[in-house]
N, C-alpha and C. Protein backbone atom coordinates (compact mmCIF):
# COMPACT_ATOMS: atom_id res chain seq x y z
N MET A 1 -7.01 0.46 2.26
CA MET A 1 -6.81 -0.79 1.78
C MET A 1 -6.53 -1.99 2.46
N ASP A 2 -6.35 -1.80 3.91
CA ASP A 2 -6.00 -2.58 5.04
C ASP A 2 -7.50 -3.28 5.30
N VAL A 3 -8.25 -2.19 5.45
CA VAL A 3 -10.01 -2.34 5.78
C VAL A 3 -10.36 -3.32 4.72
N LEU A 4 -10.25 -2.97 3.25
CA LEU A 4 -10.48 -3.91 2.51
C LEU A 4 -10.10 -5.27 2.52
N TRP A 5 -8.84 -5.07 2.60
CA TRP A 5 -8.03 -6.60 2.46
C TRP A 5 -8.58 -7.30 3.88
N LEU A 6 -8.93 -6.71 5.14
CA LEU A 6 -9.54 -7.57 6.26
C LEU A 6 -10.90 -7.93 5.86
N LYS A 7 -11.86 -7.22 5.47
CA LYS A 7 -13.23 -7.14 5.58
C LYS A 7 -13.70 -8.25 4.02
N GLY A 8 -12.75 -7.63 3.24
CA GLY A 8 -13.09 -8.22 1.75
C GLY A 8 -13.79 -7.34 0.78
N ALA A 9 -14.91 -6.67 1.46
CA ALA A 9 -15.75 -5.67 0.47
C ALA A 9 -16.39 -4.77 1.88
N ALA A 10 -16.46 -3.35 1.36
CA ALA A 10 -17.21 -2.77 2.42
C ALA A 10 -17.36 -1.18 1.51
N THR A 11 -18.38 -0.76 2.15
CA THR A 11 -18.95 0.75 1.63
C THR A 11 -18.11 1.56 2.46
N VAL A 12 -18.03 2.91 1.65
CA VAL A 12 -17.14 4.02 2.27
C VAL A 12 -17.41 4.12 3.88
N GLN A 13 -18.60 4.19 4.28
CA GLN A 13 -19.03 4.11 5.55
C GLN A 13 -18.22 3.05 6.30
N GLN A 14 -18.59 2.03 6.10
CA GLN A 14 -17.57 0.78 6.91
C GLN A 14 -16.51 0.93 6.74
N VAL A 15 -15.66 1.35 5.59
CA VAL A 15 -14.38 1.67 5.87
C VAL A 15 -13.78 2.90 6.72
N LEU A 16 -14.86 3.87 6.83
CA LEU A 16 -14.69 5.04 7.63
C LEU A 16 -14.74 4.38 9.19
N ASP A 17 -15.89 3.68 9.41
CA ASP A 17 -16.04 3.08 10.85
C ASP A 17 -15.06 2.27 11.21
N TRP A 18 -14.35 1.74 10.12
CA TRP A 18 -13.38 0.59 10.62
C TRP A 18 -11.90 1.10 11.20
N LEU A 19 -11.72 2.61 10.60
CA LEU A 19 -10.40 3.29 10.88
C LEU A 19 -10.53 3.67 12.23
N PRO A 20 -9.10 3.93 12.69
CA PRO A 20 -8.83 4.46 13.94
C PRO A 20 -9.34 5.50 14.24
N ASP A 21 -10.05 6.20 15.47
CA ASP A 21 -10.38 7.42 15.65
C ASP A 21 -9.39 8.54 15.10
N LYS A 22 -8.31 8.30 15.52
CA LYS A 22 -7.39 9.28 15.65
C LYS A 22 -6.41 9.07 14.68
N PRO A 23 -5.86 10.12 13.39
CA PRO A 23 -6.90 11.03 13.33
C PRO A 23 -8.16 10.86 12.69
N ALA A 24 -9.24 11.70 13.16
CA ALA A 24 -10.56 11.56 12.66
C ALA A 24 -10.60 11.80 11.00
N LEU A 25 -11.03 11.00 10.28
CA LEU A 25 -11.17 11.44 8.99
C LEU A 25 -12.42 11.91 8.66
N ALA A 26 -12.56 12.84 7.69
CA ALA A 26 -14.16 12.99 6.90
C ALA A 26 -14.36 12.02 5.94
N TYR A 27 -15.81 11.99 5.88
CA TYR A 27 -16.51 10.94 5.03
C TYR A 27 -15.92 11.05 3.44
N ASN A 28 -15.74 12.38 3.19
CA ASN A 28 -15.27 12.75 1.65
C ASN A 28 -13.83 12.19 1.53
N SER A 29 -13.28 12.34 2.73
CA SER A 29 -11.41 12.22 2.56
C SER A 29 -11.52 10.38 1.97
N VAL A 30 -12.15 9.71 2.49
CA VAL A 30 -12.21 8.45 2.59
C VAL A 30 -12.68 7.82 1.17
N LEU A 31 -13.93 8.67 0.93
CA LEU A 31 -14.59 8.28 -0.45
C LEU A 31 -13.62 8.78 -1.58
N THR A 32 -12.94 9.73 -1.39
CA THR A 32 -11.81 10.25 -2.41
C THR A 32 -10.62 9.44 -2.51
N THR A 33 -10.12 8.86 -1.42
CA THR A 33 -9.02 7.62 -1.44
C THR A 33 -9.36 6.71 -2.00
N VAL A 34 -10.66 5.98 -1.72
CA VAL A 34 -11.29 4.74 -2.41
C VAL A 34 -11.41 4.96 -3.76
N ARG A 35 -11.85 5.89 -4.20
CA ARG A 35 -11.94 6.34 -5.84
C ARG A 35 -10.53 6.50 -6.35
N ILE A 36 -9.34 7.22 -5.79
CA ILE A 36 -8.32 7.15 -6.57
C ILE A 36 -7.90 5.71 -6.30
N LEU A 37 -8.05 4.89 -5.42
CA LEU A 37 -7.54 3.24 -5.55
C LEU A 37 -8.20 2.59 -6.82
N GLU A 38 -9.70 2.95 -6.99
CA GLU A 38 -10.30 2.34 -8.03
C GLU A 38 -9.89 2.65 -9.59
N LYS A 39 -9.41 4.03 -9.26
CA LYS A 39 -8.70 4.76 -10.62
C LYS A 39 -7.26 3.67 -11.05
N LYS A 40 -6.72 3.65 -9.94
CA LYS A 40 -5.56 2.83 -9.95
C LYS A 40 -5.57 1.21 -10.41
N GLY A 41 -6.90 0.98 -10.32
CA GLY A 41 -7.11 -0.58 -10.47
C GLY A 41 -6.90 -1.50 -9.16
N TYR A 42 -6.93 -0.71 -7.97
CA TYR A 42 -6.74 -1.37 -6.95
C TYR A 42 -7.87 -1.98 -6.30
N VAL A 43 -8.87 -1.41 -6.20
CA VAL A 43 -10.30 -1.91 -6.08
C VAL A 43 -11.47 -1.72 -7.29
N LYS A 44 -12.52 -2.17 -6.76
CA LYS A 44 -13.69 -2.23 -7.43
C LYS A 44 -14.96 -1.95 -7.15
N HIS A 45 -16.03 -1.48 -7.54
CA HIS A 45 -17.27 -1.39 -6.77
C HIS A 45 -18.40 -2.09 -7.39
N ALA A 46 -19.49 -2.56 -6.79
CA ALA A 46 -20.91 -2.55 -7.09
C ALA A 46 -21.56 -2.06 -6.85
N LYS A 47 -22.97 -1.72 -7.39
CA LYS A 47 -23.75 -1.08 -6.95
C LYS A 47 -24.95 -1.98 -5.97
N ASP A 48 -25.11 -1.40 -4.68
CA ASP A 48 -26.25 -1.99 -4.02
C ASP A 48 -27.35 -1.27 -3.38
N GLY A 49 -28.26 -0.89 -4.39
CA GLY A 49 -29.15 0.24 -4.19
C GLY A 49 -28.24 1.60 -4.37
N ARG A 50 -28.29 2.26 -3.48
CA ARG A 50 -27.76 3.53 -3.65
C ARG A 50 -26.31 3.86 -3.56
N ALA A 51 -25.83 2.26 -2.26
CA ALA A 51 -24.58 2.36 -1.92
C ALA A 51 -23.84 1.53 -3.22
N HIS A 52 -22.36 1.80 -2.68
CA HIS A 52 -21.22 1.29 -3.78
C HIS A 52 -20.66 0.31 -2.72
N ILE A 53 -20.44 -0.90 -2.91
CA ILE A 53 -19.73 -1.57 -2.46
C ILE A 53 -18.26 -1.55 -2.90
N TYR A 54 -17.27 -1.60 -2.14
CA TYR A 54 -15.45 -1.71 -2.55
C TYR A 54 -15.32 -3.05 -2.46
N GLU A 55 -14.46 -3.65 -3.14
CA GLU A 55 -13.66 -4.54 -3.01
C GLU A 55 -12.25 -4.52 -3.46
N PRO A 56 -11.46 -5.30 -2.67
CA PRO A 56 -9.96 -5.31 -3.58
C PRO A 56 -9.62 -5.92 -4.75
N LEU A 57 -8.98 -5.65 -5.76
CA LEU A 57 -8.61 -6.21 -6.88
C LEU A 57 -7.20 -7.09 -6.72
N ILE A 58 -6.48 -6.38 -5.85
CA ILE A 58 -5.38 -7.02 -5.72
C ILE A 58 -5.07 -7.15 -4.44
N GLY A 59 -3.58 -8.06 -4.11
CA GLY A 59 -3.46 -8.32 -3.02
C GLY A 59 -2.17 -7.15 -2.35
N ARG A 60 -2.14 -7.54 -0.95
CA ARG A 60 -1.30 -6.72 -0.13
C ARG A 60 -0.05 -6.67 -1.11
N GLN A 61 0.69 -7.84 -0.90
CA GLN A 61 2.07 -8.20 -1.97
C GLN A 61 2.00 -7.59 -3.23
N GLU A 62 0.91 -7.87 -4.03
CA GLU A 62 1.18 -7.24 -5.29
C GLU A 62 0.95 -5.85 -5.16
N ALA A 63 -0.09 -5.11 -4.52
CA ALA A 63 0.23 -3.26 -4.36
C ALA A 63 1.54 -3.18 -3.56
N THR A 64 2.10 -3.62 -3.00
CA THR A 64 3.40 -3.33 -2.40
C THR A 64 4.37 -3.44 -3.32
N ARG A 65 4.51 -4.49 -4.18
CA ARG A 65 5.34 -4.42 -5.20
C ARG A 65 5.24 -2.96 -6.31
N SER A 66 3.94 -3.06 -6.61
CA SER A 66 3.14 -1.84 -7.60
C SER A 66 4.08 -0.66 -7.22
N GLU A 67 3.65 -0.44 -6.00
CA GLU A 67 3.95 1.09 -5.71
C GLU A 67 5.35 1.05 -5.39
N ILE A 68 6.28 -0.08 -5.27
CA ILE A 68 7.76 0.33 -4.93
C ILE A 68 7.98 0.26 -6.25
N ARG A 69 7.65 -0.25 -7.55
CA ARG A 69 7.96 -0.27 -8.86
C ARG A 69 7.83 1.57 -9.23
N HIS A 70 6.82 1.79 -8.62
CA HIS A 70 6.55 3.54 -9.16
C HIS A 70 7.38 4.09 -8.36
N LEU A 71 7.60 4.12 -7.37
CA LEU A 71 8.71 4.88 -6.30
C LEU A 71 10.05 4.65 -7.25
N VAL A 72 10.43 3.72 -7.44
CA VAL A 72 11.95 3.52 -7.75
C VAL A 72 11.84 4.14 -9.37
N GLY A 73 10.71 4.24 -10.22
CA GLY A 73 10.62 4.98 -11.17
C GLY A 73 10.61 6.39 -11.39
N ARG A 74 9.76 6.85 -10.14
CA ARG A 74 9.62 8.32 -9.93
C ARG A 74 10.87 8.82 -9.13
N PHE A 75 11.55 8.22 -8.36
CA PHE A 75 12.61 8.99 -7.40
C PHE A 75 14.17 8.40 -7.98
N PHE A 76 13.86 7.06 -8.15
CA PHE A 76 15.56 6.79 -8.31
C PHE A 76 15.70 6.21 -10.03
N ARG A 77 15.02 7.09 -10.78
CA ARG A 77 15.44 6.92 -12.27
C ARG A 77 15.13 5.41 -12.64
N ASP A 78 14.50 4.85 -12.17
CA ASP A 78 14.34 3.19 -12.59
C ASP A 78 15.39 2.28 -11.93
N SER A 79 16.12 2.74 -10.81
CA SER A 79 17.41 1.76 -10.50
C SER A 79 17.21 1.61 -9.07
N HIS A 80 16.87 0.28 -8.93
CA HIS A 80 16.67 -0.76 -7.70
C HIS A 80 17.84 -0.52 -7.15
N GLU A 81 18.87 -0.31 -7.52
CA GLU A 81 20.21 -0.32 -6.80
C GLU A 81 20.23 1.03 -6.00
N ALA A 82 19.94 2.17 -6.62
CA ALA A 82 19.86 3.39 -6.08
C ALA A 82 18.88 3.31 -5.06
N LEU A 83 17.78 2.76 -5.11
CA LEU A 83 16.91 2.56 -3.71
C LEU A 83 17.48 1.87 -2.66
N VAL A 84 17.92 0.49 -2.72
CA VAL A 84 18.45 0.22 -1.57
C VAL A 84 19.58 0.89 -1.10
N LEU A 85 20.79 1.31 -1.70
CA LEU A 85 21.77 2.05 -1.28
C LEU A 85 21.27 3.35 -0.50
N ASN A 86 20.17 4.07 -1.04
CA ASN A 86 19.64 5.03 -0.01
C ASN A 86 18.67 4.47 1.26
N ILE A 87 18.57 3.08 1.19
CA ILE A 87 17.90 2.48 2.30
C ILE A 87 19.02 2.11 3.38
N LEU A 88 20.34 1.47 2.51
CA LEU A 88 21.41 1.18 3.59
C LEU A 88 22.11 2.47 4.26
N GLU A 89 21.97 3.80 3.40
CA GLU A 89 22.81 4.83 4.04
C GLU A 89 21.77 5.55 5.05
N ASP A 90 20.44 5.02 5.26
CA ASP A 90 19.63 5.55 6.29
C ASP A 90 20.11 5.23 7.70
N ASN A 91 20.33 6.28 8.25
CA ASN A 91 20.99 6.47 9.55
C ASN A 91 20.08 5.36 10.61
N GLU A 92 18.63 5.79 10.41
CA GLU A 92 17.81 5.02 11.38
C GLU A 92 17.58 3.42 11.11
N LEU A 93 18.32 2.69 10.16
CA LEU A 93 18.21 1.49 10.34
C LEU A 93 18.93 0.78 11.18
N GLU A 94 18.40 -0.06 11.90
CA GLU A 94 18.45 -1.08 12.80
C GLU A 94 19.78 -2.03 12.58
N ALA A 95 20.62 -2.59 13.38
CA ALA A 95 21.50 -3.33 13.09
C ALA A 95 21.06 -4.69 12.75
N ALA A 96 19.63 -5.09 13.26
CA ALA A 96 18.98 -6.43 13.25
C ALA A 96 18.35 -6.57 11.66
N GLU A 97 17.88 -5.21 11.05
CA GLU A 97 17.31 -4.92 10.07
C GLU A 97 18.59 -4.76 8.77
N LEU A 98 19.75 -4.33 9.11
CA LEU A 98 20.90 -4.53 8.31
C LEU A 98 21.44 -6.03 8.18
N LYS A 99 21.20 -6.70 9.45
CA LYS A 99 21.65 -8.01 9.35
C LYS A 99 20.71 -9.01 8.42
N ARG A 100 19.35 -8.60 8.60
CA ARG A 100 18.49 -9.21 7.48
C ARG A 100 18.58 -9.20 6.29
N LEU A 101 18.80 -8.04 5.96
CA LEU A 101 19.02 -7.01 4.54
C LEU A 101 20.18 -8.00 4.20
N ARG A 102 21.50 -8.03 4.73
CA ARG A 102 22.38 -8.75 4.08
C ARG A 102 22.15 -10.12 3.94
N GLY A 103 21.69 -10.90 4.96
CA GLY A 103 21.42 -12.22 4.41
C GLY A 103 20.67 -12.43 3.59
N MET A 104 19.63 -11.71 3.08
CA MET A 104 18.47 -11.79 1.93
C MET A 104 19.66 -11.55 0.55
N LEU A 105 20.54 -10.75 0.41
CA LEU A 105 21.28 -10.53 -0.67
C LEU A 105 22.33 -11.57 -0.85
N GLU A 106 22.69 -12.21 0.25
CA GLU A 106 23.71 -13.05 0.15
C GLU A 106 23.06 -14.56 -0.33
N LYS A 107 21.66 -14.94 0.20
CA LYS A 107 20.88 -15.79 -0.34
C LYS A 107 20.54 -15.26 -1.56
N GLU A 108 20.42 -14.49 -2.32
CA GLU A 108 19.90 -14.13 -3.43
C GLU A 108 21.31 -14.51 -4.59
N GLU A 109 22.56 -14.15 -4.12
CA GLU A 109 23.63 -14.49 -4.73
C GLU A 109 23.91 -16.00 -5.02
N LYS A 110 23.40 -16.88 -4.20
CA LYS A 110 23.81 -18.44 -4.20
C LYS A 110 22.97 -19.15 -5.27
């Protein structure tokens, strides 16, 4: 999705060419991923001769929110509180990140 958000539209080969060299991905792996994204409604394709040109249907923020809703439903029984508590209990959370989260929570309370 990052490549499509940057380029706007691309073939599978163009997506593959824009990906970092390591780890190297096979064409079929990228094609499968793009097709899954299309089934989820994140991208659409148009034919250009024999090639399919894929373009994003949703922006990064909308995709992120959609995936978070899916995560909350699947792993936290639709409890956003359980997700946040799990994040807060993570020992790898840095003090600056924790401070920022507290600030956001306090802002929402007002």
